[in-house]
Every structure is written in C-alpha cells, then in structure tokens.
C-alpha cells in the first residue's frame, strides 16, 4: 500500500521577467509545481493542482502549499522541480544540489 500524499510547501523568491518591455515584473503569472523523478523521457510527473495555482507577488515571491498528485515514489532518482504557469509551460527549475 502506498503512503498518503503529503503537503508540499514551496517558497519561491524573485521569479521575475528577465528581459523585454516588462523586465523586473511578475508577468501577472500564476504558478504550480511539478516534480519529475527520471532523467530520461517519458517523464513521470507529480504535480500540484493547476486549479490551485498561486499568483506571483509584485516582487516575484510565491508560496505553494499543496499535495503532489499522484504521490511520488519514496525514492526519486533524478529530482527536478519545475515551476509552471497556469497554462502548463515551465519557466523555472530547481535541481538538487549535491555537495
């Protein structure tokens, strides 16, 4: 039996446009998160609900408090966390830093 999904809390800072006429602005984006646990396609995706996408603050900060669905495996071989807009396009990624 799989363990129940757990609430994820993701704090992001200063996710702002880096170019164009709106450089330094948040682009009025709403975001959700997707975890990918494989290094090669096809990728299994574990996402927070797009219906619960959170708006970026004026300074680009955000906080996602949600559950990934489906529940990710207990071992995630090559984790990549994508921050995606409400339309599904990803535009920021977090990769595990190894010392």
PDB file of N, CA and C in Angstrom:
ATOM      1  N   UNK A   1       0.844  -1.164   0.000  1.00  0.00           N
ATOM      2  CA  UNK A   1       0.000   0.000   0.000  1.00  0.00           C
ATOM      3  C   UNK A   1       0.898   1.238   0.000  1.00  0.00           C
ATOM      4  N   UNK A   2       0.578   2.216  -0.828  1.00  0.00           N
ATOM      5  CA  UNK A   2       1.346   3.456  -0.892  1.00  0.00           C
ATOM      6  C   UNK A   2       1.000   4.365   0.279  1.00  0.00           C
ATOM      7  N   UNK A   3       1.999   5.106   0.773  1.00  0.00           N
ATOM      8  CA  UNK A   3       1.709   6.056   1.839  1.00  0.00           C
ATOM      9  C   UNK A   3       0.864   7.198   1.291  1.00  0.00           C
ATOM     10  N   UNK A   4       0.132   7.890   2.166  1.00  0.00           N
ATOM     11  CA  UNK A   4      -0.682   9.005   1.695  1.00  0.00           C
ATOM     12  C   UNK A   4       0.201  10.153   1.223  1.00  0.00           C
ATOM     13  N   UNK A   5      -0.323  10.944   0.304  1.00  0.00           N
ATOM     14  CA  UNK A   5       0.396  12.118  -0.156  1.00  0.00           C
ATOM     15  C   UNK A   5       0.582  13.111   0.976  1.00  0.00           C
ATOM     16  N   UNK A   6       1.675  13.820   0.949  1.00  0.00           N
ATOM     17  CA  UNK A   6       1.964  14.807   1.976  1.00  0.00           C
ATOM     18  C   UNK A   6       1.865  16.198   1.371  1.00  0.00           C
ATOM     19  N   UNK A   7       1.569  17.158   2.202  1.00  0.00           N
ATOM     20  CA  UNK A   7       1.511  18.556   1.772  1.00  0.00           C
ATOM     21  C   UNK A   7       2.925  19.030   1.475  1.00  0.00           C
ATOM     22  N   UNK A   8       3.084  19.677   0.326  1.00  0.00           N
ATOM     23  CA  UNK A   8       4.359  20.296  -0.035  1.00  0.00           C
ATOM     24  C   UNK A   8       4.244  21.785   0.217  1.00  0.00           C
ATOM     25  N   UNK A   9       5.311  22.381   0.722  1.00  0.00           N
ATOM     26  CA  UNK A   9       5.394  23.827   0.870  1.00  0.00           C
ATOM     27  C   UNK A   9       6.616  24.266   0.073  1.00  0.00           C
ATOM     28  N   UNK A  10       6.385  25.095  -0.917  1.00  0.00           N
ATOM     29  CA  UNK A  10       7.459  25.575  -1.780  1.00  0.00           C
ATOM     30  C   UNK A  10       7.449  27.093  -1.720  1.00  0.00           C
ATOM     31  N   UNK A  11       8.557  27.661  -1.256  1.00  0.00           N
ATOM     32  CA  UNK A  11       8.704  29.117  -1.228  1.00  0.00           C
ATOM     33  C   UNK A  11       9.623  29.525  -2.360  1.00  0.00           C
ATOM     34  N   UNK A  12       9.167  30.444  -3.168  1.00  0.00           N
ATOM     35  CA  UNK A  12       9.990  30.957  -4.252  1.00  0.00           C
ATOM     36  C   UNK A  12      10.237  32.437  -4.061  1.00  0.00           C
ATOM     37  N   UNK A  13      11.402  32.874  -4.502  1.00  0.00           N
ATOM     38  CA  UNK A  13      11.755  34.284  -4.354  1.00  0.00           C
ATOM     39  C   UNK A  13      12.181  34.876  -5.682  1.00  0.00           C
ATOM     40  N   UNK A  14      11.660  36.047  -5.932  1.00  0.00           N
ATOM     41  CA  UNK A  14      12.081  36.895  -7.042  1.00  0.00           C
ATOM     42  C   UNK A  14      12.001  36.220  -8.401  1.00  0.00           C
ATOM     43  N   UNK A  15      10.857  35.602  -8.699  1.00  0.00           N
ATOM     44  CA  UNK A  15      10.623  34.995 -10.000  1.00  0.00           C
ATOM     45  C   UNK A  15      10.024  36.070 -10.905  1.00  0.00           C
ATOM     46  N   UNK A  16      10.911  36.815 -11.565  1.00  0.00           N
ATOM     47  CA  UNK A  16      10.515  37.975 -12.364  1.00  0.00           C
ATOM     48  C   UNK A  16      11.021  37.838 -13.790  1.00  0.00           C
ATOM     49  N   UNK A  17      10.375  38.549 -14.708  1.00  0.00           N
ATOM     50  CA  UNK A  17      10.812  38.538 -16.097  1.00  0.00           C
ATOM     51  C   UNK A  17      12.214  39.133 -16.198  1.00  0.00           C
ATOM     52  N   UNK A  18      13.071  38.502 -16.997  1.00  0.00           N
ATOM     53  CA  UNK A  18      14.458  38.913 -17.116  1.00  0.00           C
ATOM     54  C   UNK A  18      14.768  39.710 -18.365  1.00  0.00           C
ATOM     55  N   UNK A  19      13.756  40.032 -19.159  1.00  0.00           N
ATOM     56  CA  UNK A  19      14.016  40.791 -20.380  1.00  0.00           C
ATOM     57  C   UNK A  19      12.726  41.330 -20.966  1.00  0.00           C
ATOM     58  N   UNK A  20      12.853  42.038 -22.072  1.00  0.00           N
ATOM     59  CA  UNK A  20      11.685  42.589 -22.756  1.00  0.00           C
ATOM     60  C   UNK A  20      11.178  43.854 -22.103  1.00  0.00           C
ATOM     61  N   UNK A  21      10.030  44.321 -22.572  1.00  0.00           N
ATOM     62  CA  UNK A  21       9.455  45.568 -22.062  1.00  0.00           C
ATOM     63  C   UNK A  21       8.988  45.476 -20.620  1.00  0.00           C
ATOM     64  N   UNK A  22       8.790  44.261 -20.108  1.00  0.00           N
ATOM     65  CA  UNK A  22       8.293  44.083 -18.733  1.00  0.00           C
ATOM     66  C   UNK A  22       9.352  43.531 -17.794  1.00  0.00           C
ATOM     67  N   UNK A  23      10.633  43.758 -18.129  1.00  0.00           N
ATOM     68  CA  UNK A  23      11.718  43.251 -17.284  1.00  0.00           C
ATOM     69  C   UNK A  23      11.518  43.708 -15.835  1.00  0.00           C
ATOM     70  N   UNK A  24      11.734  42.766 -14.906  1.00  0.00           N
ATOM     71  CA  UNK A  24      11.589  43.078 -13.493  1.00  0.00           C
ATOM     72  C   UNK A  24      10.179  42.975 -12.962  1.00  0.00           C
ATOM     73  N   UNK A  25       9.223  42.620 -13.813  1.00  0.00           N
ATOM     74  CA  UNK A  25       7.826  42.460 -13.387  1.00  0.00           C
ATOM     75  C   UNK A  25       7.477  40.982 -13.326  1.00  0.00           C
ATOM     76  N   UNK A  26       6.348  40.672 -12.689  1.00  0.00           N
ATOM     77  CA  UNK A  26       5.950  39.271 -12.499  1.00  0.00           C
ATOM     78  C   UNK A  26       5.137  38.687 -13.648  1.00  0.00           C
ATOM     79  N   UNK A  27       4.827  39.473 -14.653  1.00  0.00           N
ATOM     80  CA  UNK A  27       4.068  38.970 -15.800  1.00  0.00           C
ATOM     81  C   UNK A  27       2.661  38.534 -15.461  1.00  0.00           C
ATOM     82  N   UNK A  28       2.160  38.918 -14.281  1.00  0.00           N
ATOM     83  CA  UNK A  28       0.820  38.512 -13.824  1.00  0.00           C
ATOM     84  C   UNK A  28       0.619  37.000 -13.886  1.00  0.00           C
ATOM     85  N   UNK A  29       1.685  36.269 -13.567  1.00  0.00           N
ATOM     86  CA  UNK A  29       1.634  34.811 -13.653  1.00  0.00           C
ATOM     87  C   UNK A  29       1.062  34.184 -12.390  1.00  0.00           C
ATOM     88  N   UNK A  30       0.389  33.060 -12.589  1.00  0.00           N
ATOM     89  CA  UNK A  30       0.016  32.145 -11.514  1.00  0.00           C
ATOM     90  C   UNK A  30       0.824  30.882 -11.756  1.00  0.00           C
ATOM     91  N   UNK A  31       1.316  30.254 -10.678  1.00  0.00           N
ATOM     92  CA  UNK A  31       2.211  29.113 -10.840  1.00  0.00           C
ATOM     93  C   UNK A  31       1.767  27.903 -10.024  1.00  0.00           C
ATOM     94  N   UNK A  32       2.187  26.741 -10.505  1.00  0.00           N
ATOM     95  CA  UNK A  32       2.054  25.491  -9.760  1.00  0.00           C
ATOM     96  C   UNK A  32       3.352  24.713  -9.944  1.00  0.00           C
ATOM     97  N   UNK A  33       3.518  23.616  -9.240  1.00  0.00           N
ATOM     98  CA  UNK A  33       4.776  22.870  -9.260  1.00  0.00           C
ATOM     99  C   UNK A  33       4.593  21.470  -9.817  1.00  0.00           C
ATOM    100  N   UNK A  34       5.641  20.992 -10.491  1.00  0.00           N
ATOM    101  CA  UNK A  34       5.682  19.621 -10.987  1.00  0.00           C
ATOM    102  C   UNK A  34       7.034  19.015 -10.632  1.00  0.00           C
ATOM    103  N   UNK A  35       7.019  17.839 -10.012  1.00  0.00           N
ATOM    104  CA  UNK A  35       8.227  17.095  -9.700  1.00  0.00           C
ATOM    105  C   UNK A  35       8.405  16.008 -10.750  1.00  0.00           C
ATOM    106  N   UNK A  36       9.618  15.912 -11.290  1.00  0.00           N
ATOM    107  CA  UNK A  36       9.975  14.845 -12.228  1.00  0.00           C
ATOM    108  C   UNK A  36      11.078  14.033 -11.563  1.00  0.00           C
ATOM    109  N   UNK A  37      10.948  12.707 -11.605  1.00  0.00           N
ATOM    110  CA  UNK A  37      11.907  11.851 -10.910  1.00  0.00           C
ATOM    111  C   UNK A  37      12.757  10.992 -11.840  1.00  0.00           C
ATOM    112  N   UNK A  38      12.739  11.236 -13.123  1.00  0.00           N
ATOM    113  CA  UNK A  38      13.527  10.420 -14.039  1.00  0.00           C
ATOM    114  C   UNK A  38      14.390  11.309 -14.918  1.00  0.00           C
ATOM    115  N   UNK A  39      15.538  10.790 -15.336  1.00  0.00           N
ATOM    116  CA  UNK A  39      16.477  11.572 -16.138  1.00  0.00           C
ATOM    117  C   UNK A  39      16.180  11.487 -17.635  1.00  0.00           C
ATOM    118  N   UNK A  40      15.363  10.531 -18.048  1.00  0.00           N
ATOM    119  CA  UNK A  40      15.071  10.365 -19.469  1.00  0.00           C
ATOM    120  C   UNK A  40      13.571  10.256 -19.697  1.00  0.00           C
ATOM    121  N   UNK A  41      13.147  10.646 -20.881  1.00  0.00           N
ATOM    122  CA  UNK A  41      11.726  10.573 -21.254  1.00  0.00           C
ATOM    123  C   UNK A  41      11.330   9.110 -21.441  1.00  0.00           C
ATOM    124  N   UNK A  42      10.091   8.746 -21.251  1.00  0.00           N
ATOM    125  CA  UNK A  42       8.993   9.609 -20.843  1.00  0.00           C
ATOM    126  C   UNK A  42       9.082   9.913 -19.351  1.00  0.00           C
ATOM    127  N   UNK A  43       8.747  11.138 -18.984  1.00  0.00           N
ATOM    128  CA  UNK A  43       8.869  11.591 -17.610  1.00  0.00           C
ATOM    129  C   UNK A  43       7.572  11.359 -16.850  1.00  0.00           C
ATOM    130  N   UNK A  44       7.682  10.757 -15.671  1.00  0.00           N
ATOM    131  CA  UNK A  44       6.538  10.664 -14.776  1.00  0.00           C
ATOM    132  C   UNK A  44       6.441  12.006 -14.057  1.00  0.00           C
ATOM    133  N   UNK A  45       5.260  12.600 -14.070  1.00  0.00           N
ATOM    134  CA  UNK A  45       5.065  13.917 -13.484  1.00  0.00           C
ATOM    135  C   UNK A  45       4.165  13.829 -12.260  1.00  0.00           C
ATOM    136  N   UNK A  46       4.548  14.558 -11.226  1.00  0.00           N
ATOM    137  CA  UNK A  46       3.808  14.625  -9.978  1.00  0.00           C
ATOM    138  C   UNK A  46       3.573  16.106  -9.707  1.00  0.00           C
ATOM    139  N   UNK A  47       2.329  16.557  -9.807  1.00  0.00           N
ATOM    140  CA  UNK A  47       2.057  17.998  -9.795  1.00  0.00           C
ATOM    141  C   UNK A  47       1.087  18.418  -8.700  1.00  0.00           C
ATOM    142  N   UNK A  48       1.223  19.689  -8.312  1.00  0.00           N
ATOM    143  CA  UNK A  48       0.189  20.310  -7.511  1.00  0.00           C
ATOM    144  C   UNK A  48      -0.960  20.636  -8.461  1.00  0.00           C
ATOM    145  N   UNK A  49      -2.124  20.905  -7.937  1.00  0.00           N
ATOM    146  CA  UNK A  49      -3.310  21.124  -8.774  1.00  0.00           C
ATOM    147  C   UNK A  49      -3.208  22.456  -9.526  1.00  0.00           C
ATOM    148  N   UNK A  50      -3.431  22.409 -10.831  1.00  0.00           N
ATOM    149  CA  UNK A  50      -3.420  23.651 -11.608  1.00  0.00           C
ATOM    150  C   UNK A  50      -4.520  24.588 -11.140  1.00  0.00           C
ATOM    151  N   UNK A  51      -5.615  24.029 -10.636  1.00  0.00           N
ATOM    152  CA  UNK A  51      -6.708  24.866 -10.125  1.00  0.00           C
ATOM    153  C   UNK A  51      -6.278  25.650  -8.885  1.00  0.00           C
ATOM    154  N   UNK A  52      -5.224  25.184  -8.205  1.00  0.00           N
ATOM    155  CA  UNK A  52      -4.719  25.854  -7.008  1.00  0.00           C
ATOM    156  C   UNK A  52      -3.482  26.699  -7.311  1.00  0.00           C
ATOM    157  N   UNK A  53      -3.251  27.021  -8.584  1.00  0.00           N
ATOM    158  CA  UNK A  53      -2.085  27.838  -8.940  1.00  0.00           C
ATOM    159  C   UNK A  53      -2.105  29.129  -8.127  1.00  0.00           C
ATOM    160  N   UNK A  54      -0.916  29.566  -7.691  1.00  0.00           N
ATOM    161  CA  UNK A  54      -0.812  30.764  -6.856  1.00  0.00           C
ATOM    162  C   UNK A  54      -0.232  31.916  -7.659  1.00  0.00           C
ATOM    163  N   UNK A  55      -0.727  33.105  -7.389  1.00  0.00           N
ATOM    164  CA  UNK A  55      -0.252  34.299  -8.086  1.00  0.00           C
ATOM    165  C   UNK A  55       1.112  34.719  -7.540  1.00  0.00           C
ATOM    166  N   UNK A  56       1.991  35.145  -8.449  1.00  0.00           N
ATOM    167  CA  UNK A  56       3.262  35.722  -8.027  1.00  0.00           C
ATOM    168  C   UNK A  56       2.993  37.092  -7.420  1.00  0.00           C
ATOM    169  N   UNK A  57       3.664  37.387  -6.312  1.00  0.00           N
ATOM    170  CA  UNK A  57       3.569  38.726  -5.723  1.00  0.00           C
ATOM    171  C   UNK A  57       4.257  39.718  -6.660  1.00  0.00           C
ATOM    172  N   UNK A  58       4.058  40.992  -6.420  1.00  0.00           N
ATOM    173  CA  UNK A  58       4.667  42.027  -7.262  1.00  0.00           C
ATOM    174  C   UNK A  58       6.183  41.874  -7.331  1.00  0.00           C
ATOM    175  N   UNK A  59       6.812  41.396  -6.245  1.00  0.00           N
ATOM    176  CA  UNK A  59       8.266  41.219  -6.235  1.00  0.00           C
ATOM    177  C   UNK A  59       8.690  39.834  -6.723  1.00  0.00           C
ATOM    178  N   UNK A  60       7.727  39.019  -7.178  1.00  0.00           N
ATOM    179  CA  UNK A  60       8.023  37.695  -7.707  1.00  0.00           C
ATOM    180  C   UNK A  60       8.010  36.577  -6.699  1.00  0.00           C
ATOM    181  N   UNK A  61       7.777  36.879  -5.424  1.00  0.00           N
ATOM    182  CA  UNK A  61       7.736  35.833  -4.404  1.00  0.00           C
ATOM    183  C   UNK A  61       6.439  35.025  -4.529  1.00  0.00           C
ATOM    184  N   UNK A  62       6.501  33.760  -4.097  1.00  0.00           N
ATOM    185  CA  UNK A  62       5.305  32.920  -4.084  1.00  0.00           C
ATOM    186  C   UNK A  62       5.467  31.823  -3.048  1.00  0.00           C
ATOM    187  N   UNK A  63       4.348  31.242  -2.669  1.00  0.00           N
ATOM    188  CA  UNK A  63       4.328  30.115  -1.728  1.00  0.00           C
ATOM    189  C   UNK A  63       3.251  29.145  -2.189  1.00  0.00           C
ATOM    190  N   UNK A  64       3.661  27.922  -2.472  1.00  0.00           N
ATOM    191  CA  UNK A  64       2.735  26.859  -2.867  1.00  0.00           C
ATOM    192  C   UNK A  64       2.600  25.910  -1.684  1.00  0.00           C
ATOM    193  N   UNK A  65       1.379  25.697  -1.235  1.00  0.00           N
ATOM    194  CA  UNK A  65       1.087  24.735  -0.171  1.00  0.00           C
ATOM    195  C   UNK A  65       0.043  23.796  -0.747  1.00  0.00           C
ATOM    196  N   UNK A  66       0.481  22.616  -1.153  1.00  0.00           N
ATOM    197  CA  UNK A  66      -0.415  21.704  -1.854  1.00  0.00           C
ATOM    198  C   UNK A  66       0.169  20.299  -1.805  1.00  0.00           C
ATOM    199  N   UNK A  67      -0.545  19.338  -2.352  1.00  0.00           N
ATOM    200  CA  UNK A  67      -0.121  17.948  -2.417  1.00  0.00           C
ATOM    201  C   UNK A  67       0.194  17.587  -3.854  1.00  0.00           C
ATOM    202  N   UNK A  68       1.279  16.839  -4.057  1.00  0.00           N
ATOM    203  CA  UNK A  68       1.605  16.362  -5.399  1.00  0.00           C
ATOM    204  C   UNK A  68       0.729  15.160  -5.726  1.00  0.00           C
ATOM    205  N   UNK A  69       0.238  15.135  -6.956  1.00  0.00           N
ATOM    206  CA  UNK A  69      -0.613  14.040  -7.418  1.00  0.00           C
ATOM    207  C   UNK A  69      -0.107  13.555  -8.762  1.00  0.00           C
ATOM    208  N   UNK A  70       0.025  12.253  -8.976  1.00  0.00           N
ATOM    209  CA  UNK A  70      -0.101  11.211  -7.959  1.00  0.00           C
ATOM    210  C   UNK A  70       1.043  11.324  -6.954  1.00  0.00           C
ATOM    211  N   UNK A  71       0.982  10.514  -5.916  1.00  0.00           N
ATOM    212  CA  UNK A  71       2.026  10.527  -4.900  1.00  0.00           C
ATOM    213  C   UNK A  71       3.341  10.072  -5.525  1.00  0.00           C
ATOM    214  N   UNK A  72       4.418  10.856  -5.362  1.00  0.00           N
ATOM    215  CA  UNK A  72       5.711  10.452  -5.924  1.00  0.00           C
ATOM    216  C   UNK A  72       6.262   9.225  -5.212  1.00  0.00           C
ATOM    217  N   UNK A  73       7.174   8.522  -5.873  1.00  0.00           N
ATOM    218  CA  UNK A  73       7.794   7.368  -5.223  1.00  0.00           C
ATOM    219  C   UNK A  73       8.660   7.827  -4.053  1.00  0.00           C
ATOM    220  N   UNK A  74       8.917   6.927  -3.111  1.00  0.00           N
ATOM    221  CA  UNK A  74       9.735   7.287  -1.955  1.00  0.00           C
ATOM    222  C   UNK A  74      11.179   7.581  -2.362  1.00  0.00           C
ATOM    223  N   UNK A  75      11.644   6.979  -3.448  1.00  0.00           N
ATOM    224  CA  UNK A  75      12.980   7.271  -3.979  1.00  0.00           C
ATOM    225  C   UNK A  75      12.805   7.977  -5.321  1.00  0.00           C
ATOM    226  N   UNK A  76      13.380   9.160  -5.426  1.00  0.00           N
ATOM    227  CA  UNK A  76      13.285   9.958  -6.646  1.00  0.00           C
ATOM    228  C   UNK A  76      14.706  10.087  -7.188  1.00  0.00           C
ATOM    229  N   UNK A  77      15.023   9.301  -8.239  1.00  0.00           N
ATOM    230  CA  UNK A  77      16.397   9.152  -8.717  1.00  0.00           C
ATOM    231  C   UNK A  77      17.044  10.448  -9.190  1.00  0.00           C
ATOM    232  N   UNK A  78      16.383  11.216  -9.992  1.00  0.00           N
ATOM    233  CA  UNK A  78      16.946  12.454 -10.554  1.00  0.00           C
ATOM    234  C   UNK A  78      15.919  13.568 -10.417  1.00  0.00           C
ATOM    235  N   UNK A  79      15.701  14.074  -9.191  1.00  0.00           N
ATOM    236  CA  UNK A  79      14.606  15.026  -8.986  1.00  0.00           C
ATOM    237  C   UNK A  79      14.844  16.379  -9.656  1.00  0.00           C
ATOM    238  N   UNK A  80      13.823  16.839 -10.341  1.00  0.00           N
ATOM    239  CA  UNK A  80      13.791  18.191 -10.899  1.00  0.00           C
ATOM    240  C   UNK A  80      12.429  18.759 -10.559  1.00  0.00           C
ATOM    241  N   UNK A  81      12.420  19.922  -9.931  1.00  0.00           N
ATOM    242  CA  UNK A  81      11.175  20.592  -9.586  1.00  0.00           C
ATOM    243  C   UNK A  81      10.954  21.723 -10.576  1.00  0.00           C
ATOM    244  N   UNK A  82       9.881  21.634 -11.339  1.00  0.00           N
ATOM    245  CA  UNK A  82       9.546  22.662 -12.321  1.00  0.00           C
ATOM    246  C   UNK A  82       8.488  23.593 -11.757  1.00  0.00           C
ATOM    247  N   UNK A  83       8.667  24.882 -11.958  1.00  0.00           N
ATOM    248  CA  UNK A  83       7.634  25.859 -11.650  1.00  0.00           C
ATOM    249  C   UNK A  83       6.992  26.201 -12.975  1.00  0.00           C
ATOM    250  N   UNK A  84       5.676  25.980 -13.055  1.00  0.00           N
ATOM    251  CA  UNK A  84       4.947  26.105 -14.316  1.00  0.00           C
ATOM    252  C   UNK A  84       3.860  27.158 -14.196  1.00  0.00           C
ATOM    253  N   UNK A  85       3.546  27.799 -15.323  1.00  0.00           N
ATOM    254  CA  UNK A  85       2.442  28.759 -15.294  1.00  0.00           C
ATOM    255  C   UNK A  85       1.121  28.016 -15.429  1.00  0.00           C
ATOM    256  N   UNK A  86       0.027  28.712 -15.236  1.00  0.00           N
ATOM    257  CA  UNK A  86      -1.294  28.079 -15.248  1.00  0.00           C
ATOM    258  C   UNK A  86      -1.598  27.408 -16.580  1.00  0.00           C
ATOM    259  N   UNK A  87      -0.934  27.825 -17.648  1.00  0.00           N
ATOM    260  CA  UNK A  87      -1.101  27.184 -18.953  1.00  0.00           C
ATOM    261  C   UNK A  87      -0.296  25.907 -19.107  1.00  0.00           C
ATOM    262  N   UNK A  88       0.598  25.613 -18.153  1.00  0.00           N
ATOM    263  CA  UNK A  88       1.367  24.376 -18.161  1.00  0.00           C
ATOM    264  C   UNK A  88       2.811  24.524 -18.606  1.00  0.00           C
ATOM    265  N   UNK A  89       3.207  25.690 -19.136  1.00  0.00           N
ATOM    266  CA  UNK A  89       4.591  25.881 -19.568  1.00  0.00           C
ATOM    267  C   UNK A  89       5.487  26.085 -18.354  1.00  0.00           C
ATOM    268  N   UNK A  90       6.640  25.418 -18.331  1.00  0.00           N
ATOM    269  CA  UNK A  90       7.556  25.619 -17.216  1.00  0.00           C
ATOM    270  C   UNK A  90       8.531  26.730 -17.573  1.00  0.00           C
ATOM    271  N   UNK A  91       8.915  27.488 -16.549  1.00  0.00           N
ATOM    272  CA  UNK A  91       9.850  28.585 -16.792  1.00  0.00           C
ATOM    273  C   UNK A  91      10.866  28.762 -15.673  1.00  0.00           C
ATOM    274  N   UNK A  92      10.851  27.877 -14.701  1.00  0.00           N
ATOM    275  CA  UNK A  92      11.881  27.866 -13.671  1.00  0.00           C
ATOM    276  C   UNK A  92      12.039  26.425 -13.208  1.00  0.00           C
ATOM    277  N   UNK A  93      13.263  26.056 -12.840  1.00  0.00           N
ATOM    278  CA  UNK A  93      13.521  24.688 -12.406  1.00  0.00           C
ATOM    279  C   UNK A  93      14.446  24.696 -11.201  1.00  0.00           C
ATOM    280  N   UNK A  94      14.206  23.776 -10.308  1.00  0.00           N
ATOM    281  CA  UNK A  94      15.080  23.565  -9.163  1.00  0.00           C
ATOM    282  C   UNK A  94      15.677  22.178  -9.275  1.00  0.00           C
ATOM    283  N   UNK A  95      16.988  22.095  -9.127  1.00  0.00           N
ATOM    284  CA  UNK A  95      17.686  20.828  -9.227  1.00  0.00           C
ATOM    285  C   UNK A  95      18.447  20.617  -7.922  1.00  0.00           C
ATOM    286  N   UNK A  96      18.401  19.399  -7.406  1.00  0.00           N
ATOM    287  CA  UNK A  96      19.061  19.053  -6.153  1.00  0.00           C
ATOM    288  C   UNK A  96      20.552  19.358  -6.244  1.00  0.00           C
ATOM    289  N   UNK A  97      21.060  20.115  -5.294  1.00  0.00           N
ATOM    290  CA  UNK A  97      22.468  20.459  -5.255  1.00  0.00           C
ATOM    291  C   UNK A  97      23.187  19.427  -4.383  1.00  0.00           C
ATOM    292  N   UNK A  98      24.168  18.772  -4.970  1.00  0.00           N
ATOM    293  CA  UNK A  98      24.952  17.802  -4.229  1.00  0.00           C
ATOM    294  C   UNK A  98      26.262  18.446  -3.806  1.00  0.00           C
ATOM    295  N   UNK A  99      26.670  18.202  -2.589  1.00  0.00           N
ATOM    296  CA  UNK A  99      27.923  18.788  -2.078  1.00  0.00           C
ATOM    297  C   UNK A  99      29.119  18.010  -2.550  1.00  0.00           C
TER     298      UNK A  99
END
